[in-house]
Amino acid sequence: MLTKKNREIIEQVELVSIDSLVPQDHLLRAVEESIDFNFIYDEVKDLYSENTGRPSIDPVVLIKLLMLQALYGIRSM
């Protein structure tokens, strides 16, 4: 005989730190500690308008995405 349990909807919230999910000896931690990416802002400041257009994606994020592609052999975004 097929029986069906009455399951009440249980809402549960779990707070997890992304930092705690990445091992301490991970390659990307070493990259982050070794490279100060702040130089990128000086390199690209002339390419961005201060008061025209939509807000841009942080150029450091774009460079880090390209690094991830190169390090992990990802061929497309």
PDB file of N, CA and C in Angstrom:
ATOM      1  N   MET A   1       0.836  -1.169   0.000  1.00  0.00           N
ATOM      2  CA  MET A   1       0.000   0.000   0.000  1.00  0.00           C
ATOM      3  C   MET A   1       0.890   1.244   0.000  1.00  0.00           C
ATOM      4  N   LEU A   2       0.549   2.171  -0.829  1.00  0.00           N
ATOM      5  CA  LEU A   2       1.304   3.410  -0.947  1.00  0.00           C
ATOM      6  C   LEU A   2       0.814   4.393   0.091  1.00  0.00           C
ATOM      7  N   THR A   3       1.731   4.848   0.906  1.00  0.00           N
ATOM      8  CA  THR A   3       1.372   5.870   1.898  1.00  0.00           C
ATOM      9  C   THR A   3       2.219   7.095   1.667  1.00  0.00           C
ATOM     10  N   LYS A   4       1.651   8.186   1.967  1.00  0.00           N
ATOM     11  CA  LYS A   4       2.338   9.455   1.767  1.00  0.00           C
ATOM     12  C   LYS A   4       2.438  10.160   3.107  1.00  0.00           C
ATOM     13  N   LYS A   5       3.627  10.590   3.462  1.00  0.00           N
ATOM     14  CA  LYS A   5       3.817  11.300   4.727  1.00  0.00           C
ATOM     15  C   LYS A   5       3.423  12.748   4.543  1.00  0.00           C
ATOM     16  N   ASN A   6       2.808  13.301   5.509  1.00  0.00           N
ATOM     17  CA  ASN A   6       2.534  14.733   5.513  1.00  0.00           C
ATOM     18  C   ASN A   6       3.780  15.434   6.019  1.00  0.00           C
ATOM     19  N   ARG A   7       4.468  16.074   5.132  1.00  0.00           N
ATOM     20  CA  ARG A   7       5.696  16.764   5.521  1.00  0.00           C
ATOM     21  C   ARG A   7       5.420  18.248   5.579  1.00  0.00           C
ATOM     22  N   GLU A   8       5.706  18.800   6.708  1.00  0.00           N
ATOM     23  CA  GLU A   8       5.582  20.246   6.835  1.00  0.00           C
ATOM     24  C   GLU A   8       6.809  20.892   6.198  1.00  0.00           C
ATOM     25  N   ILE A   9       6.600  22.046   5.646  1.00  0.00           N
ATOM     26  CA  ILE A   9       7.721  22.770   5.046  1.00  0.00           C
ATOM     27  C   ILE A   9       8.608  23.289   6.172  1.00  0.00           C
ATOM     28  N   ILE A  10       9.843  22.896   6.129  1.00  0.00           N
ATOM     29  CA  ILE A  10      10.805  23.325   7.141  1.00  0.00           C
ATOM     30  C   ILE A  10      11.752  24.324   6.480  1.00  0.00           C
ATOM     31  N   GLU A  11      11.757  25.510   7.002  1.00  0.00           N
ATOM     32  CA  GLU A  11      12.672  26.513   6.485  1.00  0.00           C
ATOM     33  C   GLU A  11      13.868  26.590   7.415  1.00  0.00           C
ATOM     34  N   GLN A  12      15.022  26.434   6.838  1.00  0.00           N
ATOM     35  CA  GLN A  12      16.235  26.437   7.631  1.00  0.00           C
ATOM     36  C   GLN A  12      17.257  27.347   6.961  1.00  0.00           C
ATOM     37  N   VAL A  13      17.894  28.140   7.757  1.00  0.00           N
ATOM     38  CA  VAL A  13      18.915  29.041   7.260  1.00  0.00           C
ATOM     39  C   VAL A  13      20.249  28.590   7.807  1.00  0.00           C
ATOM     40  N   GLU A  14      21.224  28.518   6.909  1.00  0.00           N
ATOM     41  CA  GLU A  14      22.568  28.133   7.330  1.00  0.00           C
ATOM     42  C   GLU A  14      23.539  29.199   6.857  1.00  0.00           C
ATOM     43  N   LEU A  15      24.291  29.741   7.760  1.00  0.00           N
ATOM     44  CA  LEU A  15      25.285  30.739   7.404  1.00  0.00           C
ATOM     45  C   LEU A  15      26.631  30.048   7.229  1.00  0.00           C
ATOM     46  N   VAL A  16      27.204  30.231   6.047  1.00  0.00           N
ATOM     47  CA  VAL A  16      28.478  29.598   5.744  1.00  0.00           C
ATOM     48  C   VAL A  16      29.417  30.662   5.187  1.00  0.00           C
ATOM     49  N   SER A  17      30.614  30.678   5.688  1.00  0.00           N
ATOM     50  CA  SER A  17      31.632  31.582   5.173  1.00  0.00           C
ATOM     51  C   SER A  17      32.321  30.917   3.984  1.00  0.00           C
ATOM     52  N   ILE A  18      32.370  31.608   2.858  1.00  0.00           N
ATOM     53  CA  ILE A  18      33.044  31.054   1.689  1.00  0.00           C
ATOM     54  C   ILE A  18      34.516  30.811   2.007  1.00  0.00           C
ATOM     55  N   ASP A  19      35.083  31.669   2.813  1.00  0.00           N
ATOM     56  CA  ASP A  19      36.485  31.525   3.209  1.00  0.00           C
ATOM     57  C   ASP A  19      36.736  30.181   3.895  1.00  0.00           C
ATOM     58  N   SER A  20      35.780  29.724   4.670  1.00  0.00           N
ATOM     59  CA  SER A  20      35.959  28.450   5.380  1.00  0.00           C
ATOM     60  C   SER A  20      35.829  27.249   4.442  1.00  0.00           C
ATOM     61  N   LEU A  21      35.267  27.438   3.265  1.00  0.00           N
ATOM     62  CA  LEU A  21      35.103  26.338   2.315  1.00  0.00           C
ATOM     63  C   LEU A  21      36.345  26.105   1.455  1.00  0.00           C
ATOM     64  N   VAL A  22      37.219  27.101   1.375  1.00  0.00           N
ATOM     65  CA  VAL A  22      38.428  26.994   0.544  1.00  0.00           C
ATOM     66  C   VAL A  22      39.593  26.540   1.420  1.00  0.00           C
ATOM     67  N   PRO A  23      40.256  25.453   1.053  1.00  0.00           N
ATOM     68  CA  PRO A  23      41.392  24.981   1.847  1.00  0.00           C
ATOM     69  C   PRO A  23      42.493  26.037   1.964  1.00  0.00           C
ATOM     70  N   GLN A  24      43.196  26.028   3.070  1.00  0.00           N
ATOM     71  CA  GLN A  24      44.246  27.017   3.319  1.00  0.00           C
ATOM     72  C   GLN A  24      45.400  26.916   2.330  1.00  0.00           C
ATOM     73  N   ASP A  25      45.644  25.733   1.772  1.00  0.00           N
ATOM     74  CA  ASP A  25      46.760  25.560   0.836  1.00  0.00           C
ATOM     75  C   ASP A  25      46.313  25.608  -0.631  1.00  0.00           C
ATOM     76  N   HIS A  26      45.165  26.188  -0.902  1.00  0.00           N
ATOM     77  CA  HIS A  26      44.634  26.255  -2.263  1.00  0.00           C
ATOM     78  C   HIS A  26      45.463  27.218  -3.118  1.00  0.00           C
ATOM     79  N   LEU A  27      45.600  26.892  -4.399  1.00  0.00           N
ATOM     80  CA  LEU A  27      46.379  27.693  -5.334  1.00  0.00           C
ATOM     81  C   LEU A  27      45.896  29.141  -5.376  1.00  0.00           C
ATOM     82  N   LEU A  28      44.606  29.354  -5.382  1.00  0.00           N
ATOM     83  CA  LEU A  28      44.079  30.711  -5.494  1.00  0.00           C
ATOM     84  C   LEU A  28      44.373  31.551  -4.253  1.00  0.00           C
ATOM     85  N   ARG A  29      44.505  30.937  -3.113  1.00  0.00           N
ATOM     86  CA  ARG A  29      44.936  31.682  -1.920  1.00  0.00           C
ATOM     87  C   ARG A  29      46.371  32.175  -2.104  1.00  0.00           C
ATOM     88  N   ALA A  30      47.216  31.322  -2.673  1.00  0.00           N
ATOM     89  CA  ALA A  30      48.612  31.704  -2.911  1.00  0.00           C
ATOM     90  C   ALA A  30      48.694  32.846  -3.918  1.00  0.00           C
ATOM     91  N   VAL A  31      47.862  32.798  -4.955  1.00  0.00           N
ATOM     92  CA  VAL A  31      47.847  33.875  -5.955  1.00  0.00           C
ATOM     93  C   VAL A  31      47.413  35.179  -5.295  1.00  0.00           C
ATOM     94  N   GLU A  32      46.361  35.125  -4.498  1.00  0.00           N
ATOM     95  CA  GLU A  32      45.840  36.327  -3.834  1.00  0.00           C
ATOM     96  C   GLU A  32      46.877  36.938  -2.884  1.00  0.00           C
ATOM     97  N   GLU A  33      47.634  36.094  -2.203  1.00  0.00           N
ATOM     98  CA  GLU A  33      48.661  36.587  -1.282  1.00  0.00           C
ATOM     99  C   GLU A  33      49.888  37.128  -2.020  1.00  0.00           C
ATOM    100  N   SER A  34      50.164  36.605  -3.208  1.00  0.00           N
ATOM    101  CA  SER A  34      51.378  36.964  -3.937  1.00  0.00           C
ATOM    102  C   SER A  34      51.250  38.207  -4.794  1.00  0.00           C
ATOM    103  N   ILE A  35      50.056  38.467  -5.288  1.00  0.00           N
ATOM    104  CA  ILE A  35      49.875  39.559  -6.247  1.00  0.00           C
ATOM    105  C   ILE A  35      48.981  40.639  -5.646  1.00  0.00           C
ATOM    106  N   ASP A  36      49.468  41.868  -5.690  1.00  0.00           N
ATOM    107  CA  ASP A  36      48.652  43.016  -5.297  1.00  0.00           C
ATOM    108  C   ASP A  36      48.010  43.555  -6.575  1.00  0.00           C
ATOM    109  N   PHE A  37      46.715  43.332  -6.727  1.00  0.00           N
ATOM    110  CA  PHE A  37      46.009  43.671  -7.957  1.00  0.00           C
ATOM    111  C   PHE A  37      45.649  45.152  -8.062  1.00  0.00           C
ATOM    112  N   ASN A  38      45.986  45.957  -7.084  1.00  0.00           N
ATOM    113  CA  ASN A  38      45.615  47.371  -7.104  1.00  0.00           C
ATOM    114  C   ASN A  38      46.282  48.151  -8.238  1.00  0.00           C
ATOM    115  N   PHE A  39      47.377  47.656  -8.783  1.00  0.00           N
ATOM    116  CA  PHE A  39      48.041  48.352  -9.888  1.00  0.00           C
ATOM    117  C   PHE A  39      47.150  48.429 -11.125  1.00  0.00           C
ATOM    118  N   ILE A  40      46.195  47.548 -11.223  1.00  0.00           N
ATOM    119  CA  ILE A  40      45.314  47.503 -12.398  1.00  0.00           C
ATOM    120  C   ILE A  40      44.496  48.792 -12.513  1.00  0.00           C
ATOM    121  N   TYR A  41      44.084  49.337 -11.385  1.00  0.00           N
ATOM    122  CA  TYR A  41      43.287  50.567 -11.412  1.00  0.00           C
ATOM    123  C   TYR A  41      44.051  51.713 -12.085  1.00  0.00           C
ATOM    124  N   ASP A  42      45.337  51.833 -11.790  1.00  0.00           N
ATOM    125  CA  ASP A  42      46.154  52.874 -12.426  1.00  0.00           C
ATOM    126  C   ASP A  42      46.315  52.622 -13.923  1.00  0.00           C
ATOM    127  N   GLU A  43      46.414  51.360 -14.299  1.00  0.00           N
ATOM    128  CA  GLU A  43      46.613  51.012 -15.710  1.00  0.00           C
ATOM    129  C   GLU A  43      45.388  51.319 -16.567  1.00  0.00           C
ATOM    130  N   VAL A  44      44.201  51.212 -16.000  1.00  0.00           N
ATOM    131  CA  VAL A  44      42.983  51.339 -16.809  1.00  0.00           C
ATOM    132  C   VAL A  44      42.191  52.617 -16.542  1.00  0.00           C
ATOM    133  N   LYS A  45      42.665  53.485 -15.670  1.00  0.00           N
ATOM    134  CA  LYS A  45      41.870  54.656 -15.286  1.00  0.00           C
ATOM    135  C   LYS A  45      41.534  55.556 -16.469  1.00  0.00           C
ATOM    136  N   ASP A  46      42.385  55.623 -17.472  1.00  0.00           N
ATOM    137  CA  ASP A  46      42.115  56.459 -18.640  1.00  0.00           C
ATOM    138  C   ASP A  46      41.086  55.829 -19.587  1.00  0.00           C
ATOM    139  N   LEU A  47      40.761  54.574 -19.387  1.00  0.00           N
ATOM    140  CA  LEU A  47      39.825  53.873 -20.256  1.00  0.00           C
ATOM    141  C   LEU A  47      38.374  53.960 -19.766  1.00  0.00           C
ATOM    142  N   TYR A  48      38.165  54.474 -18.566  1.00  0.00           N
ATOM    143  CA  TYR A  48      36.836  54.554 -17.971  1.00  0.00           C
ATOM    144  C   TYR A  48      36.433  56.010 -17.786  1.00  0.00           C
ATOM    145  N   SER A  49      35.158  56.292 -18.036  1.00  0.00           N
ATOM    146  CA  SER A  49      34.631  57.633 -17.833  1.00  0.00           C
ATOM    147  C   SER A  49      34.130  57.767 -16.399  1.00  0.00           C
ATOM    148  N   GLU A  50      34.384  58.896 -15.786  1.00  0.00           N
ATOM    149  CA  GLU A  50      33.965  59.116 -14.397  1.00  0.00           C
ATOM    150  C   GLU A  50      32.484  59.439 -14.281  1.00  0.00           C
ATOM    151  N   ASN A  51      31.904  60.076 -15.332  1.00  0.00           N
ATOM    152  CA  ASN A  51      30.530  60.548 -15.182  1.00  0.00           C
ATOM    153  C   ASN A  51      29.606  60.174 -16.341  1.00  0.00           C
ATOM    154  N   THR A  52      30.051  59.380 -17.285  1.00  0.00           N
ATOM    155  CA  THR A  52      29.230  59.013 -18.430  1.00  0.00           C
ATOM    156  C   THR A  52      29.092  57.503 -18.507  1.00  0.00           C
ATOM    157  N   GLY A  53      27.883  57.060 -18.815  1.00  0.00           N
ATOM    158  CA  GLY A  53      27.674  55.634 -19.008  1.00  0.00           C
ATOM    159  C   GLY A  53      27.266  54.907 -17.742  1.00  0.00           C
ATOM    160  N   ARG A  54      27.112  53.637 -17.893  1.00  0.00           N
ATOM    161  CA  ARG A  54      26.700  52.790 -16.777  1.00  0.00           C
ATOM    162  C   ARG A  54      27.899  52.423 -15.919  1.00  0.00           C
ATOM    163  N   PRO A  55      27.648  52.050 -14.665  1.00  0.00           N
ATOM    164  CA  PRO A  55      28.760  51.605 -13.808  1.00  0.00           C
ATOM    165  C   PRO A  55      29.427  50.361 -14.408  1.00  0.00           C
ATOM    166  N   SER A  56      30.729  50.320 -14.295  1.00  0.00           N
ATOM    167  CA  SER A  56      31.479  49.223 -14.905  1.00  0.00           C
ATOM    168  C   SER A  56      31.654  48.059 -13.936  1.00  0.00           C
ATOM    169  N   ILE A  57      32.046  46.944 -14.504  1.00  0.00           N
ATOM    170  CA  ILE A  57      32.486  45.818 -13.683  1.00  0.00           C
ATOM    171  C   ILE A  57      33.899  46.161 -13.218  1.00  0.00           C
ATOM    172  N   ASP A  58      34.195  45.845 -11.992  1.00  0.00           N
ATOM    173  CA  ASP A  58      35.516  46.126 -11.436  1.00  0.00           C
ATOM    174  C   ASP A  58      36.589  45.496 -12.328  1.00  0.00           C
ATOM    175  N   PRO A  59      37.542  46.279 -12.834  1.00  0.00           N
ATOM    176  CA  PRO A  59      38.568  45.725 -13.727  1.00  0.00           C
ATOM    177  C   PRO A  59      39.413  44.639 -13.063  1.00  0.00           C
ATOM    178  N   VAL A  60      39.578  44.692 -11.754  1.00  0.00           N
ATOM    179  CA  VAL A  60      40.327  43.641 -11.061  1.00  0.00           C
ATOM    180  C   VAL A  60      39.574  42.320 -11.168  1.00  0.00           C
ATOM    181  N   VAL A  61      38.261  42.367 -11.069  1.00  0.00           N
ATOM    182  CA  VAL A  61      37.454  41.152 -11.208  1.00  0.00           C
ATOM    183  C   VAL A  61      37.630  40.570 -12.606  1.00  0.00           C
ATOM    184  N   LEU A  62      37.648  41.419 -13.621  1.00  0.00           N
ATOM    185  CA  LEU A  62      37.834  40.937 -14.987  1.00  0.00           C
ATOM    186  C   LEU A  62      39.195  40.261 -15.164  1.00  0.00           C
ATOM    187  N   ILE A  63      40.232  40.850 -14.609  1.00  0.00           N
ATOM    188  CA  ILE A  63      41.573  40.254 -14.699  1.00  0.00           C
ATOM    189  C   ILE A  63      41.619  38.923 -13.952  1.00  0.00           C
ATOM    190  N   LYS A  64      40.993  38.877 -12.792  1.00  0.00           N
ATOM    191  CA  LYS A  64      40.972  37.624 -12.031  1.00  0.00           C
ATOM    192  C   LYS A  64      40.214  36.534 -12.783  1.00  0.00           C
ATOM    193  N   LEU A  65      39.147  36.900 -13.480  1.00  0.00           N
ATOM    194  CA  LEU A  65      38.434  35.917 -14.299  1.00  0.00           C
ATOM    195  C   LEU A  65      39.333  35.360 -15.400  1.00  0.00           C
ATOM    196  N   LEU A  66      40.103  36.229 -16.037  1.00  0.00           N
ATOM    197  CA  LEU A  66      41.034  35.766 -17.072  1.00  0.00           C
ATOM    198  C   LEU A  66      42.108  34.846 -16.484  1.00  0.00           C
ATOM    199  N   MET A  67      42.553  35.168 -15.279  1.00  0.00           N
ATOM    200  CA  MET A  67      43.543  34.307 -14.618  1.00  0.00           C
ATOM    201  C   MET A  67      42.947  32.936 -14.315  1.00  0.00           C
ATOM    202  N   LEU A  68      41.705  32.912 -13.860  1.00  0.00           N
ATOM    203  CA  LEU A  68      41.036  31.631 -13.599  1.00  0.00           C
ATOM    204  C   LEU A  68      40.941  30.798 -14.872  1.00  0.00           C
ATOM    205  N   GLN A  69      40.601  31.464 -15.973  1.00  0.00           N
ATOM    206  CA  GLN A  69      40.545  30.759 -17.252  1.00  0.00           C
ATOM    207  C   GLN A  69      41.887  30.136 -17.594  1.00  0.00           C
ATOM    208  N   ALA A  70      42.946  30.902 -17.442  1.00  0.00           N
ATOM    209  CA  ALA A  70      44.280  30.404 -17.795  1.00  0.00           C
ATOM    210  C   ALA A  70      44.730  29.296 -16.844  1.00  0.00           C
ATOM    211  N   LEU A  71      44.509  29.480 -15.552  1.00  0.00           N
ATOM    212  CA  LEU A  71      44.980  28.498 -14.569  1.00  0.00           C
ATOM    213  C   LEU A  71      44.240  27.167 -14.657  1.00  0.00           C
ATOM    214  N   TYR A  72      42.962  27.218 -14.977  1.00  0.00           N
ATOM    215  CA  TYR A  72      42.155  25.998 -14.964  1.00  0.00           C
ATOM    216  C   TYR A  72      41.758  25.514 -16.356  1.00  0.00           C
ATOM    217  N   GLY A  73      42.307  26.139 -17.402  1.00  0.00           N
ATOM    218  CA  GLY A  73      42.048  25.663 -18.764  1.00  0.00           C
ATOM    219  C   GLY A  73      40.616  25.839 -19.212  1.00  0.00           C
ATOM    220  N   ILE A  74      39.951  26.868 -18.713  1.00  0.00           N
ATOM    221  CA  ILE A  74      38.574  27.137 -19.113  1.00  0.00           C
ATOM    222  C   ILE A  74      38.633  27.931 -20.417  1.00  0.00           C
ATOM    223  N   ARG A  75      37.974  27.450 -21.442  1.00  0.00           N
ATOM    224  CA  ARG A  75      38.122  28.082 -22.759  1.00  0.00           C
ATOM    225  C   ARG A  75      37.071  29.130 -23.068  1.00  0.00           C
ATOM    226  N   SER A  76      36.023  29.216 -22.306  1.00  0.00           N
ATOM    227  CA  SER A  76      35.022  30.248 -22.578  1.00  0.00           C
ATOM    228  C   SER A  76      34.434  30.745 -21.277  1.00  0.00           C
ATOM    229  N   MET A  77      33.855  31.934 -21.345  1.00  0.00           N
ATOM    230  CA  MET A  77      33.208  32.481 -20.172  1.00  0.00           C
ATOM    231  C   MET A  77      31.752  32.126 -20.241  1.00  0.00           C
TER     232      MET A  77
END
